[in-house]
Amino acid sequence: MAWVGRYEDIVAGREGQYRVRLMDNQNAWDCAYPGVEVLPDGTIVATTYGHWMPDAPPYIVSVRLRLEQLDARLK
C-alpha cells in the first residue's frame, strides 16, 4: 500500500490525498518491511517480499511509480 499526502496530513491525522494498493499479498502474514527510495528523477521504488501468487512461496518484488502517473489515473 502506498500513501500519498503531505506531512501536515500526518501531523493532523488526516487521510491524505489517496492510497494505492501496489500488489495483493495472497497470505494473511509474511509480507512487507519494504524499502522505499525516491530516485533523482522523482521515480519512487518500493521493494518488498510477499506471497504474490496463491499457494506459491514468497518472493521479492520491486515496484516503480511516479506521482504524475498515479495522479493521472484519478482523472
C-alpha atoms as a PDB file:
ATOM      1  CA  MET A   1       0.000   0.000   0.000  1.00  0.00           C
ATOM      2  CA  ALA A   2       1.293   3.449  -0.855  1.00  0.00           C
ATOM      3  CA  TRP A   3       0.012   6.528   0.946  1.00  0.00           C
ATOM      4  CA  VAL A   4       0.116   9.883  -0.839  1.00  0.00           C
ATOM      5  CA  GLY A   5      -0.284  13.046   1.144  1.00  0.00           C
ATOM      6  CA  ARG A   6       1.555  15.836   2.897  1.00  0.00           C
ATOM      7  CA  TYR A   7       3.457  15.873   6.152  1.00  0.00           C
ATOM      8  CA  GLU A   8       0.772  18.168   7.557  1.00  0.00           C
ATOM      9  CA  ASP A   9      -1.788  15.416   6.872  1.00  0.00           C
ATOM     10  CA  ILE A  10       0.170  13.004   9.037  1.00  0.00           C
ATOM     11  CA  VAL A  11       0.554  15.506  11.869  1.00  0.00           C
ATOM     12  CA  ALA A  12      -3.166  16.362  11.789  1.00  0.00           C
ATOM     13  CA  GLY A  13      -4.274  12.709  11.492  1.00  0.00           C
ATOM     14  CA  ARG A  14      -5.866  13.285   8.087  1.00  0.00           C
ATOM     15  CA  GLU A  15      -6.159  10.636   5.380  1.00  0.00           C
ATOM     16  CA  GLY A  16      -4.042  12.485   2.823  1.00  0.00           C
ATOM     17  CA  GLN A  17      -4.784  12.579  -0.906  1.00  0.00           C
ATOM     18  CA  TYR A  18      -5.143   8.868  -1.600  1.00  0.00           C
ATOM     19  CA  ARG A  19      -3.863   5.356  -1.010  1.00  0.00           C
ATOM     20  CA  VAL A  20      -2.854   2.889  -3.708  1.00  0.00           C
ATOM     21  CA  ARG A  21      -2.647  -0.877  -3.461  1.00  0.00           C
ATOM     22  CA  LEU A  22       0.574  -1.753  -5.246  1.00  0.00           C
ATOM     23  CA  MET A  23       0.188  -5.527  -5.073  1.00  0.00           C
ATOM     24  CA  ASP A  24      -2.082  -8.041  -3.343  1.00  0.00           C
ATOM     25  CA  ASN A  25      -0.391 -10.364  -0.852  1.00  0.00           C
ATOM     26  CA  GLN A  26      -2.103 -13.757  -1.002  1.00  0.00           C
ATOM     27  CA  ASN A  27      -1.162 -14.731   2.560  1.00  0.00           C
ATOM     28  CA  ALA A  28      -2.516 -13.266   5.795  1.00  0.00           C
ATOM     29  CA  TRP A  29       1.033 -12.781   7.098  1.00  0.00           C
ATOM     30  CA  ASP A  30       4.664 -12.834   5.998  1.00  0.00           C
ATOM     31  CA  CYS A  31       4.964  -9.724   3.870  1.00  0.00           C
ATOM     32  CA  ALA A  32       6.034  -6.098   3.985  1.00  0.00           C
ATOM     33  CA  TYR A  33       9.048  -4.405   5.595  1.00  0.00           C
ATOM     34  CA  PRO A  34       9.516  -2.527   2.310  1.00  0.00           C
ATOM     35  CA  GLY A  35      12.448  -0.431   1.353  1.00  0.00           C
ATOM     36  CA  VAL A  36      11.347   2.793  -0.356  1.00  0.00           C
ATOM     37  CA  GLU A  37      13.614   5.095  -2.325  1.00  0.00           C
ATOM     38  CA  VAL A  38      12.931   8.263  -4.310  1.00  0.00           C
ATOM     39  CA  LEU A  39      15.286   8.469  -7.280  1.00  0.00           C
ATOM     40  CA  PRO A  40      16.720  11.805  -8.506  1.00  0.00           C
ATOM     41  CA  ASP A  41      14.139  11.936 -11.332  1.00  0.00           C
ATOM     42  CA  GLY A  42      11.248  11.566  -8.842  1.00  0.00           C
ATOM     43  CA  THR A  43      10.602   7.877  -9.514  1.00  0.00           C
ATOM     44  CA  ILE A  44       9.574   6.019  -6.364  1.00  0.00           C
ATOM     45  CA  VAL A  45      10.909   2.478  -5.970  1.00  0.00           C
ATOM     46  CA  ALA A  46       9.374   0.164  -3.345  1.00  0.00           C
ATOM     47  CA  THR A  47      10.931  -3.271  -2.791  1.00  0.00           C
ATOM     48  CA  THR A  48       9.387  -5.935  -0.571  1.00  0.00           C
ATOM     49  CA  TYR A  49       8.611  -9.615  -0.341  1.00  0.00           C
ATOM     50  CA  GLY A  50       5.313 -11.425  -0.095  1.00  0.00           C
ATOM     51  CA  HIS A  51       3.132 -14.244  -1.361  1.00  0.00           C
ATOM     52  CA  TRP A  52       2.116 -12.669  -4.666  1.00  0.00           C
ATOM     53  CA  MET A  53       0.640 -15.825  -6.188  1.00  0.00           C
ATOM     54  CA  PRO A  54      -1.739 -18.213  -4.379  1.00  0.00           C
ATOM     55  CA  ASP A  55      -0.031 -21.303  -2.935  1.00  0.00           C
ATOM     56  CA  ALA A  56       3.403 -20.129  -4.102  1.00  0.00           C
ATOM     57  CA  PRO A  57       6.406 -19.396  -1.903  1.00  0.00           C
ATOM     58  CA  PRO A  58       7.125 -15.728  -1.202  1.00  0.00           C
ATOM     59  CA  TYR A  59       9.398 -13.763  -3.472  1.00  0.00           C
ATOM     60  CA  ILE A  60      10.810 -10.245  -3.760  1.00  0.00           C
ATOM     61  CA  VAL A  61       9.251  -7.610  -5.999  1.00  0.00           C
ATOM     62  CA  SER A  62      10.215  -4.027  -6.816  1.00  0.00           C
ATOM     63  CA  VAL A  63       7.565  -1.581  -7.986  1.00  0.00           C
ATOM     64  CA  ARG A  64       8.475   1.683  -9.712  1.00  0.00           C
ATOM     65  CA  LEU A  65       5.992   4.527  -9.967  1.00  0.00           C
ATOM     66  CA  ARG A  66       5.744   8.260 -10.379  1.00  0.00           C
ATOM     67  CA  LEU A  67       3.218  10.505  -8.666  1.00  0.00           C
ATOM     68  CA  GLU A  68       2.296  12.012 -12.032  1.00  0.00           C
ATOM     69  CA  GLN A  69       1.183   8.557 -13.224  1.00  0.00           C
ATOM     70  CA  LEU A  70      -0.945   7.996 -10.125  1.00  0.00           C
ATOM     71  CA  ASP A  71      -2.470  11.481 -10.279  1.00  0.00           C
ATOM     72  CA  ALA A  72      -3.398  10.936 -13.952  1.00  0.00           C
ATOM     73  CA  ARG A  73      -5.344   7.791 -13.048  1.00  0.00           C
ATOM     74  CA  LEU A  74      -7.560   9.791 -10.697  1.00  0.00           C
ATOM     75  CA  LYS A  75      -8.858  11.963 -13.513  1.00  0.00           C
END
